[in-house]
Amino acid sequence: MKALDFDNFWKEQKSELINLIDKIKIMNNSGYLKETDDFQITISVNDNLDDWNYQTGDNSFTGSCYHHPYWGVSSISKDCNPEDIALALILDLASVIGFED
């Protein structure tokens, strides 16, 4: 996997990730969670950069990211900016893979 391929992959997928984060945020703002609660979110990608997945909550034991080797983790709060969270997730994922800014 090359850094340029990673960047191009997320340029194509970033809007989908932002929409996902926004939906999770809406669920949070609907009263499902207490005002101080954050949702942990994990994204993952495979070696071929043709598939990514996500999971929310504790990622210690099982989840939809387990079949991918690389993970990025962040939290979603009631007041978060979905674009900022998406960028944080992508940067965390890049650092796990070994790509630098």
PDB file of N, CA and C in Angstrom:
ATOM      1  N   MET A   1       0.841  -1.169   0.000  1.00  0.00           N
ATOM      2  CA  MET A   1       0.000   0.000   0.000  1.00  0.00           C
ATOM      3  C   MET A   1       0.894   1.243   0.000  1.00  0.00           C
ATOM      4  N   LYS A   2       0.572   2.168  -0.882  1.00  0.00           N
ATOM      5  CA  LYS A   2       1.327   3.409  -0.982  1.00  0.00           C
ATOM      6  C   LYS A   2       0.514   4.563  -0.396  1.00  0.00           C
ATOM      7  N   ALA A   3       1.222   5.557   0.131  1.00  0.00           N
ATOM      8  CA  ALA A   3       0.562   6.710   0.734  1.00  0.00           C
ATOM      9  C   ALA A   3      -0.349   7.428  -0.262  1.00  0.00           C
ATOM     10  N   LEU A   4       0.082   7.548  -1.501  1.00  0.00           N
ATOM     11  CA  LEU A   4      -0.739   8.217  -2.514  1.00  0.00           C
ATOM     12  C   LEU A   4      -2.034   7.447  -2.750  1.00  0.00           C
ATOM     13  N   ASP A   5      -1.957   6.119  -2.804  1.00  0.00           N
ATOM     14  CA  ASP A   5      -3.161   5.308  -2.975  1.00  0.00           C
ATOM     15  C   ASP A   5      -4.108   5.483  -1.786  1.00  0.00           C
ATOM     16  N   PHE A   6      -3.540   5.534  -0.584  1.00  0.00           N
ATOM     17  CA  PHE A   6      -4.330   5.758   0.627  1.00  0.00           C
ATOM     18  C   PHE A   6      -5.043   7.108   0.545  1.00  0.00           C
ATOM     19  N   ASP A   7      -4.302   8.150   0.181  1.00  0.00           N
ATOM     20  CA  ASP A   7      -4.891   9.486   0.066  1.00  0.00           C
ATOM     21  C   ASP A   7      -6.012   9.516  -0.966  1.00  0.00           C
ATOM     22  N   ASN A   8      -5.782   8.904  -2.110  1.00  0.00           N
ATOM     23  CA  ASN A   8      -6.806   8.880  -3.162  1.00  0.00           C
ATOM     24  C   ASN A   8      -8.040   8.095  -2.726  1.00  0.00           C
ATOM     25  N   PHE A   9      -7.824   6.990  -2.025  1.00  0.00           N
ATOM     26  CA  PHE A   9      -8.945   6.190  -1.522  1.00  0.00           C
ATOM     27  C   PHE A   9      -9.827   7.039  -0.618  1.00  0.00           C
ATOM     28  N   TRP A  10      -9.221   7.751   0.329  1.00  0.00           N
ATOM     29  CA  TRP A  10     -10.014   8.536   1.278  1.00  0.00           C
ATOM     30  C   TRP A  10     -10.588   9.801   0.659  1.00  0.00           C
ATOM     31  N   LYS A  11      -9.991  10.309  -0.407  1.00  0.00           N
ATOM     32  CA  LYS A  11     -10.623  11.422  -1.134  1.00  0.00           C
ATOM     33  C   LYS A  11     -11.960  10.972  -1.703  1.00  0.00           C
ATOM     34  N   GLU A  12     -12.016   9.738  -2.163  1.00  0.00           N
ATOM     35  CA  GLU A  12     -13.254   9.188  -2.714  1.00  0.00           C
ATOM     36  C   GLU A  12     -14.250   8.784  -1.625  1.00  0.00           C
ATOM     37  N   GLN A  13     -13.767   8.320  -0.498  1.00  0.00           N
ATOM     38  CA  GLN A  13     -14.630   7.760   0.549  1.00  0.00           C
ATOM     39  C   GLN A  13     -14.963   8.739   1.681  1.00  0.00           C
ATOM     40  N   LYS A  14     -14.283   9.859   1.748  1.00  0.00           N
ATOM     41  CA  LYS A  14     -14.419  10.750   2.895  1.00  0.00           C
ATOM     42  C   LYS A  14     -15.846  11.259   3.082  1.00  0.00           C
ATOM     43  N   SER A  15     -16.539  11.599   2.008  1.00  0.00           N
ATOM     44  CA  SER A  15     -17.906  12.112   2.156  1.00  0.00           C
ATOM     45  C   SER A  15     -18.828  11.045   2.751  1.00  0.00           C
ATOM     46  N   GLU A  16     -18.623   9.798   2.386  1.00  0.00           N
ATOM     47  CA  GLU A  16     -19.411   8.714   2.967  1.00  0.00           C
ATOM     48  C   GLU A  16     -19.118   8.587   4.470  1.00  0.00           C
ATOM     49  N   LEU A  17     -17.858   8.728   4.845  1.00  0.00           N
ATOM     50  CA  LEU A  17     -17.477   8.676   6.258  1.00  0.00           C
ATOM     51  C   LEU A  17     -18.095   9.846   7.028  1.00  0.00           C
ATOM     52  N   ILE A  18     -18.059  11.033   6.459  1.00  0.00           N
ATOM     53  CA  ILE A  18     -18.660  12.208   7.106  1.00  0.00           C
ATOM     54  C   ILE A  18     -20.160  11.998   7.300  1.00  0.00           C
ATOM     55  N   ASN A  19     -20.836  11.472   6.281  1.00  0.00           N
ATOM     56  CA  ASN A  19     -22.275  11.196   6.400  1.00  0.00           C
ATOM     57  C   ASN A  19     -22.561  10.183   7.507  1.00  0.00           C
ATOM     58  N   LEU A  20     -21.737   9.170   7.603  1.00  0.00           N
ATOM     59  CA  LEU A  20     -21.889   8.171   8.659  1.00  0.00           C
ATOM     60  C   LEU A  20     -21.743   8.816  10.034  1.00  0.00           C
ATOM     61  N   ILE A  21     -20.721   9.620  10.205  1.00  0.00           N
ATOM     62  CA  ILE A  21     -20.487  10.285  11.490  1.00  0.00           C
ATOM     63  C   ILE A  21     -21.662  11.201  11.822  1.00  0.00           C
ATOM     64  N   ASP A  22     -22.177  11.892  10.830  1.00  0.00           N
ATOM     65  CA  ASP A  22     -23.320  12.771  11.049  1.00  0.00           C
ATOM     66  C   ASP A  22     -24.547  11.977  11.507  1.00  0.00           C
ATOM     67  N   LYS A  23     -24.780  10.823  10.916  1.00  0.00           N
ATOM     68  CA  LYS A  23     -25.912   9.978  11.326  1.00  0.00           C
ATOM     69  C   LYS A  23     -25.742   9.498  12.766  1.00  0.00           C
ATOM     70  N   ILE A  24     -24.536   9.119  13.125  1.00  0.00           N
ATOM     71  CA  ILE A  24     -24.277   8.685  14.500  1.00  0.00           C
ATOM     72  C   ILE A  24     -24.474   9.861  15.455  1.00  0.00           C
ATOM     73  N   LYS A  25     -24.034  11.031  15.038  1.00  0.00           N
ATOM     74  CA  LYS A  25     -24.211  12.234  15.855  1.00  0.00           C
ATOM     75  C   LYS A  25     -25.694  12.548  16.043  1.00  0.00           C
ATOM     76  N   ILE A  26     -26.493  12.419  14.997  1.00  0.00           N
ATOM     77  CA  ILE A  26     -27.933  12.658  15.090  1.00  0.00           C
ATOM     78  C   ILE A  26     -28.560  11.686  16.080  1.00  0.00           C
ATOM     79  N   MET A  27     -28.147  10.425  16.026  1.00  0.00           N
ATOM     80  CA  MET A  27     -28.654   9.447  16.984  1.00  0.00           C
ATOM     81  C   MET A  27     -28.293   9.876  18.399  1.00  0.00           C
ATOM     82  N   ASN A  28     -27.095  10.362  18.586  1.00  0.00           N
ATOM     83  CA  ASN A  28     -26.637  10.846  19.884  1.00  0.00           C
ATOM     84  C   ASN A  28     -27.490  12.034  20.332  1.00  0.00           C
ATOM     85  N   ASN A  29     -27.753  12.962  19.424  1.00  0.00           N
ATOM     86  CA  ASN A  29     -28.511  14.169  19.757  1.00  0.00           C
ATOM     87  C   ASN A  29     -30.000  13.898  19.941  1.00  0.00           C
ATOM     88  N   SER A  30     -30.469  12.726  19.544  1.00  0.00           N
ATOM     89  CA  SER A  30     -31.892  12.412  19.671  1.00  0.00           C
ATOM     90  C   SER A  30     -32.276  12.004  21.086  1.00  0.00           C
ATOM     91  N   GLY A  31     -31.299  11.997  21.971  1.00  0.00           N
ATOM     92  CA  GLY A  31     -31.600  11.624  23.352  1.00  0.00           C
ATOM     93  C   GLY A  31     -31.266  10.190  23.669  1.00  0.00           C
ATOM     94  N   TYR A  32     -30.727   9.472  22.700  1.00  0.00           N
ATOM     95  CA  TYR A  32     -30.355   8.084  22.932  1.00  0.00           C
ATOM     96  C   TYR A  32     -29.264   7.980  23.993  1.00  0.00           C
ATOM     97  N   LEU A  33     -28.369   8.942  23.984  1.00  0.00           N
ATOM     98  CA  LEU A  33     -27.277   8.959  24.959  1.00  0.00           C
ATOM     99  C   LEU A  33     -27.421  10.142  25.896  1.00  0.00           C
ATOM    100  N   LYS A  34     -26.791  10.046  27.030  1.00  0.00           N
ATOM    101  CA  LYS A  34     -26.730  11.182  27.939  1.00  0.00           C
ATOM    102  C   LYS A  34     -25.903  12.289  27.294  1.00  0.00           C
ATOM    103  N   GLU A  35     -26.128  13.509  27.747  1.00  0.00           N
ATOM    104  CA  GLU A  35     -25.457  14.654  27.132  1.00  0.00           C
ATOM    105  C   GLU A  35     -23.938  14.554  27.164  1.00  0.00           C
ATOM    106  N   THR A  36     -23.395  13.913  28.168  1.00  0.00           N
ATOM    107  CA  THR A  36     -21.939  13.830  28.294  1.00  0.00           C
ATOM    108  C   THR A  36     -21.341  12.609  27.608  1.00  0.00           C
ATOM    109  N   ASP A  37     -22.172  11.740  27.089  1.00  0.00           N
ATOM    110  CA  ASP A  37     -21.666  10.519  26.459  1.00  0.00           C
ATOM    111  C   ASP A  37     -21.032  10.806  25.107  1.00  0.00           C
ATOM    112  N   ASP A  38     -19.980  10.078  24.826  1.00  0.00           N
ATOM    113  CA  ASP A  38     -19.355  10.065  23.511  1.00  0.00           C
ATOM    114  C   ASP A  38     -19.498   8.660  22.950  1.00  0.00           C
ATOM    115  N   PHE A  39     -19.556   8.577  21.636  1.00  0.00           N
ATOM    116  CA  PHE A  39     -19.551   7.303  20.949  1.00  0.00           C
ATOM    117  C   PHE A  39     -18.143   7.066  20.431  1.00  0.00           C
ATOM    118  N   GLN A  40     -17.531   5.955  20.790  1.00  0.00           N
ATOM    119  CA  GLN A  40     -16.256   5.620  20.164  1.00  0.00           C
ATOM    120  C   GLN A  40     -16.570   5.089  18.782  1.00  0.00           C
ATOM    121  N   ILE A  41     -15.774   5.491  17.808  1.00  0.00           N
ATOM    122  CA  ILE A  41     -15.908   4.984  16.451  1.00  0.00           C
ATOM    123  C   ILE A  41     -14.544   4.507  15.976  1.00  0.00           C
ATOM    124  N   THR A  42     -14.560   3.374  15.314  1.00  0.00           N
ATOM    125  CA  THR A  42     -13.361   2.788  14.733  1.00  0.00           C
ATOM    126  C   THR A  42     -13.618   2.590  13.250  1.00  0.00           C
ATOM    127  N   ILE A  43     -12.661   2.985  12.422  1.00  0.00           N
ATOM    128  CA  ILE A  43     -12.722   2.658  11.001  1.00  0.00           C
ATOM    129  C   ILE A  43     -11.552   1.741  10.687  1.00  0.00           C
ATOM    130  N   SER A  44     -11.726   0.953   9.649  1.00  0.00           N
ATOM    131  CA  SER A  44     -10.663   0.028   9.246  1.00  0.00           C
ATOM    132  C   SER A  44     -10.600  -0.030   7.727  1.00  0.00           C
ATOM    133  N   VAL A  45      -9.451  -0.473   7.240  1.00  0.00           N
ATOM    134  CA  VAL A  45      -9.251  -0.597   5.798  1.00  0.00           C
ATOM    135  C   VAL A  45      -8.424  -1.851   5.530  1.00  0.00           C
ATOM    136  N   ASN A  46      -8.639  -2.434   4.357  1.00  0.00           N
ATOM    137  CA  ASN A  46      -7.850  -3.617   4.000  1.00  0.00           C
ATOM    138  C   ASN A  46      -6.583  -3.220   3.248  1.00  0.00           C
ATOM    139  N   ASP A  47      -5.718  -4.176   3.015  1.00  0.00           N
ATOM    140  CA  ASP A  47      -4.443  -3.924   2.339  1.00  0.00           C
ATOM    141  C   ASP A  47      -4.613  -3.427   0.911  1.00  0.00           C
ATOM    142  N   ASN A  48      -5.681  -3.833   0.243  1.00  0.00           N
ATOM    143  CA  ASN A  48      -5.891  -3.478  -1.161  1.00  0.00           C
ATOM    144  C   ASN A  48      -6.571  -2.126  -1.352  1.00  0.00           C
ATOM    145  N   LEU A  49      -6.982  -1.502  -0.260  1.00  0.00           N
ATOM    146  CA  LEU A  49      -7.702  -0.234  -0.308  1.00  0.00           C
ATOM    147  C   LEU A  49      -8.928  -0.311  -1.213  1.00  0.00           C
ATOM    148  N   ASP A  50      -9.642  -1.413  -1.119  1.00  0.00           N
ATOM    149  CA  ASP A  50     -10.887  -1.523  -1.860  1.00  0.00           C
ATOM    150  C   ASP A  50     -12.069  -1.807  -0.931  1.00  0.00           C
ATOM    151  N   ASP A  51     -11.812  -1.738   0.380  1.00  0.00           N
ATOM    152  CA  ASP A  51     -12.882  -1.988   1.342  1.00  0.00           C
ATOM    153  C   ASP A  51     -12.544  -1.295   2.657  1.00  0.00           C
ATOM    154  N   TRP A  52     -13.541  -0.660   3.253  1.00  0.00           N
ATOM    155  CA  TRP A  52     -13.388  -0.110   4.585  1.00  0.00           C
ATOM    156  C   TRP A  52     -14.650  -0.422   5.369  1.00  0.00           C
ATOM    157  N   ASN A  53     -14.537  -0.357   6.679  1.00  0.00           N
ATOM    158  CA  ASN A  53     -15.674  -0.652   7.532  1.00  0.00           C
ATOM    159  C   ASN A  53     -15.571   0.200   8.787  1.00  0.00           C
ATOM    160  N   TYR A  54     -16.598   0.114   9.610  1.00  0.00           N
ATOM    161  CA  TYR A  54     -16.605   0.865  10.859  1.00  0.00           C
ATOM    162  C   TYR A  54     -17.320   0.062  11.931  1.00  0.00           C
ATOM    163  N   GLN A  55     -17.102   0.460  13.152  1.00  0.00           N
ATOM    164  CA  GLN A  55     -17.870  -0.065  14.271  1.00  0.00           C
ATOM    165  C   GLN A  55     -17.900   1.015  15.341  1.00  0.00           C
ATOM    166  N   THR A  56     -18.926   0.966  16.171  1.00  0.00           N
ATOM    167  CA  THR A  56     -19.035   1.919  17.265  1.00  0.00           C
ATOM    168  C   THR A  56     -18.947   1.170  18.580  1.00  0.00           C
ATOM    169  N   GLY A  57     -18.601   1.912  19.620  1.00  0.00           N
ATOM    170  CA  GLY A  57     -18.533   1.308  20.945  1.00  0.00           C
ATOM    171  C   GLY A  57     -17.202   0.625  21.181  1.00  0.00           C
ATOM    172  N   ASP A  58     -17.175  -0.199  22.191  1.00  0.00           N
ATOM    173  CA  ASP A  58     -15.968  -0.911  22.602  1.00  0.00           C
ATOM    174  C   ASP A  58     -15.504  -1.827  21.481  1.00  0.00           C
ATOM    175  N   ASN A  59     -14.244  -1.713  21.099  1.00  0.00           N
ATOM    176  CA  ASN A  59     -13.722  -2.555  20.008  1.00  0.00           C
ATOM    177  C   ASN A  59     -12.765  -3.623  20.523  1.00  0.00           C
ATOM    178  N   SER A  60     -12.876  -3.967  21.785  1.00  0.00           N
ATOM    179  CA  SER A  60     -11.905  -4.875  22.394  1.00  0.00           C
ATOM    180  C   SER A  60     -12.060  -6.340  21.991  1.00  0.00           C
ATOM    181  N   PHE A  61     -13.241  -6.758  21.637  1.00  0.00           N
ATOM    182  CA  PHE A  61     -13.454  -8.198  21.461  1.00  0.00           C
ATOM    183  C   PHE A  61     -13.987  -8.588  20.084  1.00  0.00           C
ATOM    184  N   THR A  62     -14.992  -7.900  19.598  1.00  0.00           N
ATOM    185  CA  THR A  62     -15.568  -8.254  18.302  1.00  0.00           C
ATOM    186  C   THR A  62     -16.029  -6.991  17.589  1.00  0.00           C
ATOM    187  N   GLY A  63     -16.302  -7.136  16.326  1.00  0.00           N
ATOM    188  CA  GLY A  63     -16.833  -6.017  15.557  1.00  0.00           C
ATOM    189  C   GLY A  63     -16.529  -6.170  14.088  1.00  0.00           C
ATOM    190  N   SER A  64     -17.112  -5.276  13.314  1.00  0.00           N
ATOM    191  CA  SER A  64     -17.003  -5.365  11.859  1.00  0.00           C
ATOM    192  C   SER A  64     -15.638  -4.958  11.318  1.00  0.00           C
ATOM    193  N   CYS A  65     -14.775  -4.415  12.151  1.00  0.00           N
ATOM    194  CA  CYS A  65     -13.422  -4.030  11.702  1.00  0.00           C
ATOM    195  C   CYS A  65     -12.403  -5.154  11.852  1.00  0.00           C
ATOM    196  N   TYR A  66     -12.762  -6.213  12.523  1.00  0.00           N
ATOM    197  CA  TYR A  66     -11.774  -7.248  12.852  1.00  0.00           C
ATOM    198  C   TYR A  66     -11.167  -7.959  11.647  1.00  0.00           C
ATOM    199  N   HIS A  67     -11.845  -7.938  10.515  1.00  0.00           N
ATOM    200  CA  HIS A  67     -11.286  -8.631   9.348  1.00  0.00           C
ATOM    201  C   HIS A  67     -10.320  -7.747   8.555  1.00  0.00           C
ATOM    202  N   HIS A  68     -10.099  -6.507   8.997  1.00  0.00           N
ATOM    203  CA  HIS A  68      -9.126  -5.615   8.365  1.00  0.00           C
ATOM    204  C   HIS A  68      -7.919  -5.432   9.284  1.00  0.00           C
ATOM    205  N   PRO A  69      -6.741  -5.251   8.692  1.00  0.00           N
ATOM    206  CA  PRO A  69      -5.530  -5.161   9.522  1.00  0.00           C
ATOM    207  C   PRO A  69      -5.249  -3.784  10.129  1.00  0.00           C
ATOM    208  N   TYR A  70      -5.860  -2.727   9.604  1.00  0.00           N
ATOM    209  CA  TYR A  70      -5.523  -1.373  10.049  1.00  0.00           C
ATOM    210  C   TYR A  70      -6.758  -0.658  10.580  1.00  0.00           C
ATOM    211  N   TRP A  71      -6.595  -0.016  11.733  1.00  0.00           N
ATOM    212  CA  TRP A  71      -7.719   0.669  12.386  1.00  0.00           C
ATOM    213  C   TRP A  71      -7.354   2.090  12.761  1.00  0.00           C
ATOM    214  N   GLY A  72      -8.343   2.976  12.699  1.00  0.00           N
ATOM    215  CA  GLY A  72      -8.249   4.333  13.230  1.00  0.00           C
ATOM    216  C   GLY A  72      -9.393   4.532  14.213  1.00  0.00           C
ATOM    217  N   VAL A  73      -9.142   5.210  15.326  1.00  0.00           N
ATOM    218  CA  VAL A  73     -10.137   5.336  16.391  1.00  0.00           C
ATOM    219  C   VAL A  73     -10.301   6.801  16.791  1.00  0.00           C
ATOM    220  N   SER A  74     -11.544   7.193  17.047  1.00  0.00           N
ATOM    221  CA  SER A  74     -11.856   8.524  17.574  1.00  0.00           C
ATOM    222  C   SER A  74     -13.173   8.441  18.331  1.00  0.00           C
ATOM    223  N   SER A  75     -13.690   9.590  18.738  1.00  0.00           N
ATOM    224  CA  SER A  75     -14.964   9.649  19.458  1.00  0.00           C
ATOM    225  C   SER A  75     -15.870  10.685  18.808  1.00  0.00           C
ATOM    226  N   ILE A  76     -17.162  10.415  18.898  1.00  0.00           N
ATOM    227  CA  ILE A  76     -18.182  11.318  18.390  1.00  0.00           C
ATOM    228  C   ILE A  76     -18.963  11.842  19.586  1.00  0.00           C
ATOM    229  N   SER A  77     -19.018  13.154  19.721  1.00  0.00           N
ATOM    230  CA  SER A  77     -19.794  13.776  20.795  1.00  0.00           C
ATOM    231  C   SER A  77     -20.965  14.552  20.192  1.00  0.00           C
ATOM    232  N   LYS A  78     -21.832  15.046  21.060  1.00  0.00           N
ATOM    233  CA  LYS A  78     -23.001  15.799  20.590  1.00  0.00           C
ATOM    234  C   LYS A  78     -22.609  17.055  19.817  1.00  0.00           C
ATOM    235  N   ASP A  79     -21.502  17.651  20.185  1.00  0.00           N
ATOM    236  CA  ASP A  79     -21.117  18.931  19.589  1.00  0.00           C
ATOM    237  C   ASP A  79     -19.991  18.809  18.563  1.00  0.00           C
ATOM    238  N   CYS A  80     -19.654  17.623  18.181  1.00  0.00           N
ATOM    239  CA  CYS A  80     -18.517  17.451  17.276  1.00  0.00           C
ATOM    240  C   CYS A  80     -18.845  17.906  15.859  1.00  0.00           C
ATOM    241  N   ASN A  81     -17.799  18.202  15.125  1.00  0.00           N
ATOM    242  CA  ASN A  81     -17.907  18.509  13.710  1.00  0.00           C
ATOM    243  C   ASN A  81     -17.568  17.224  12.954  1.00  0.00           C
ATOM    244  N   PRO A  82     -18.521  16.638  12.205  1.00  0.00           N
ATOM    245  CA  PRO A  82     -18.264  15.369  11.511  1.00  0.00           C
ATOM    246  C   PRO A  82     -17.048  15.398  10.591  1.00  0.00           C
ATOM    247  N   GLU A  83     -16.786  16.542   9.952  1.00  0.00           N
ATOM    248  CA  GLU A  83     -15.613  16.630   9.080  1.00  0.00           C
ATOM    249  C   GLU A  83     -14.322  16.527   9.888  1.00  0.00           C
ATOM    250  N   ASP A  84     -14.297  17.147  11.072  1.00  0.00           N
ATOM    251  CA  ASP A  84     -13.113  17.070  11.931  1.00  0.00           C
ATOM    252  C   ASP A  84     -12.885  15.642  12.424  1.00  0.00           C
ATOM    253  N   ILE A  85     -13.957  14.951  12.776  1.00  0.00           N
ATOM    254  CA  ILE A  85     -13.840  13.568  13.256  1.00  0.00           C
ATOM    255  C   ILE A  85     -13.370  12.663  12.121  1.00  0.00           C
ATOM    256  N   ALA A  86     -13.908  12.869  10.918  1.00  0.00           N
ATOM    257  CA  ALA A  86     -13.470  12.071   9.764  1.00  0.00           C
ATOM    258  C   ALA A  86     -11.982  12.259   9.518  1.00  0.00           C
ATOM    259  N   LEU A  87     -11.524  13.487   9.567  1.00  0.00           N
ATOM    260  CA  LEU A  87     -10.099  13.764   9.360  1.00  0.00           C
ATOM    261  C   LEU A  87      -9.265  13.111  10.460  1.00  0.00           C
ATOM    262  N   ALA A  88      -9.719  13.214  11.713  1.00  0.00           N
ATOM    263  CA  ALA A  88      -8.989  12.590  12.825  1.00  0.00           C
ATOM    264  C   ALA A  88      -8.903  11.079  12.640  1.00  0.00           C
ATOM    265  N   LEU A  89      -9.997  10.454  12.204  1.00  0.00           N
ATOM    266  CA  LEU A  89      -9.990   9.010  11.975  1.00  0.00           C
ATOM    267  C   LEU A  89      -9.020   8.626  10.859  1.00  0.00           C
ATOM    268  N   ILE A  90      -9.064   9.360   9.769  1.00  0.00           N
ATOM    269  CA  ILE A  90      -8.191   9.057   8.629  1.00  0.00           C
ATOM    270  C   ILE A  90      -6.730   9.251   9.016  1.00  0.00           C
ATOM    271  N   LEU A  91      -6.422  10.319   9.753  1.00  0.00           N
ATOM    272  CA  LEU A  91      -5.043  10.554  10.194  1.00  0.00           C
ATOM    273  C   LEU A  91      -4.573   9.486  11.176  1.00  0.00           C
ATOM    274  N   ASP A  92      -5.466   9.053  12.067  1.00  0.00           N
ATOM    275  CA  ASP A  92      -5.107   7.995  13.009  1.00  0.00           C
ATOM    276  C   ASP A  92      -4.835   6.693  12.251  1.00  0.00           C
ATOM    277  N   LEU A  93      -5.689   6.396  11.287  1.00  0.00           N
ATOM    278  CA  LEU A  93      -5.510   5.215  10.460  1.00  0.00           C
ATOM    279  C   LEU A  93      -4.190   5.293   9.694  1.00  0.00           C
ATOM    280  N   ALA A  94      -3.887   6.453   9.133  1.00  0.00           N
ATOM    281  CA  ALA A  94      -2.626   6.631   8.400  1.00  0.00           C
ATOM    282  C   ALA A  94      -1.422   6.408   9.306  1.00  0.00           C
ATOM    283  N   SER A  95      -1.502   6.883  10.545  1.00  0.00           N
ATOM    284  CA  SER A  95      -0.372   6.717  11.463  1.00  0.00           C
ATOM    285  C   SER A  95      -0.172   5.254  11.837  1.00  0.00           C
ATOM    286  N   VAL A  96      -1.254   4.506  11.940  1.00  0.00           N
ATOM    287  CA  VAL A  96      -1.153   3.072  12.246  1.00  0.00           C
ATOM    288  C   VAL A  96      -0.483   2.337  11.089  1.00  0.00           C
ATOM    289  N   ILE A  97      -0.803   2.744   9.875  1.00  0.00           N
ATOM    290  CA  ILE A  97      -0.200   2.106   8.702  1.00  0.00           C
ATOM    291  C   ILE A  97       1.271   2.503   8.568  1.00  0.00           C
ATOM    292  N   GLY A  98       1.608   3.688   9.073  1.00  0.00           N
ATOM    293  CA  GLY A  98       2.993   4.146   9.010  1.00  0.00           C
ATOM    294  C   GLY A  98       3.205   5.306   8.081  1.00  0.00           C
ATOM    295  N   PHE A  99       2.124   5.918   7.625  1.00  0.00           N
ATOM    296  CA  PHE A  99       2.236   7.095   6.766  1.00  0.00           C
ATOM    297  C   PHE A  99       2.338   8.334   7.645  1.00  0.00           C
ATOM    298  N   GLU A 100       3.228   9.223   7.268  1.00  0.00           N
ATOM    299  CA  GLU A 100       3.397  10.497   7.979  1.00  0.00           C
ATOM    300  C   GLU A 100       2.725  11.592   7.174  1.00  0.00           C
ATOM    301  N   ASP A 101       2.423  12.693   7.844  1.00  0.00           N
ATOM    302  CA  ASP A 101       1.822  13.844   7.140  1.00  0.00           C
ATOM    303  C   ASP A 101       2.788  14.413   6.136  1.00  0.00           C
TER     304      ASP A 101
END
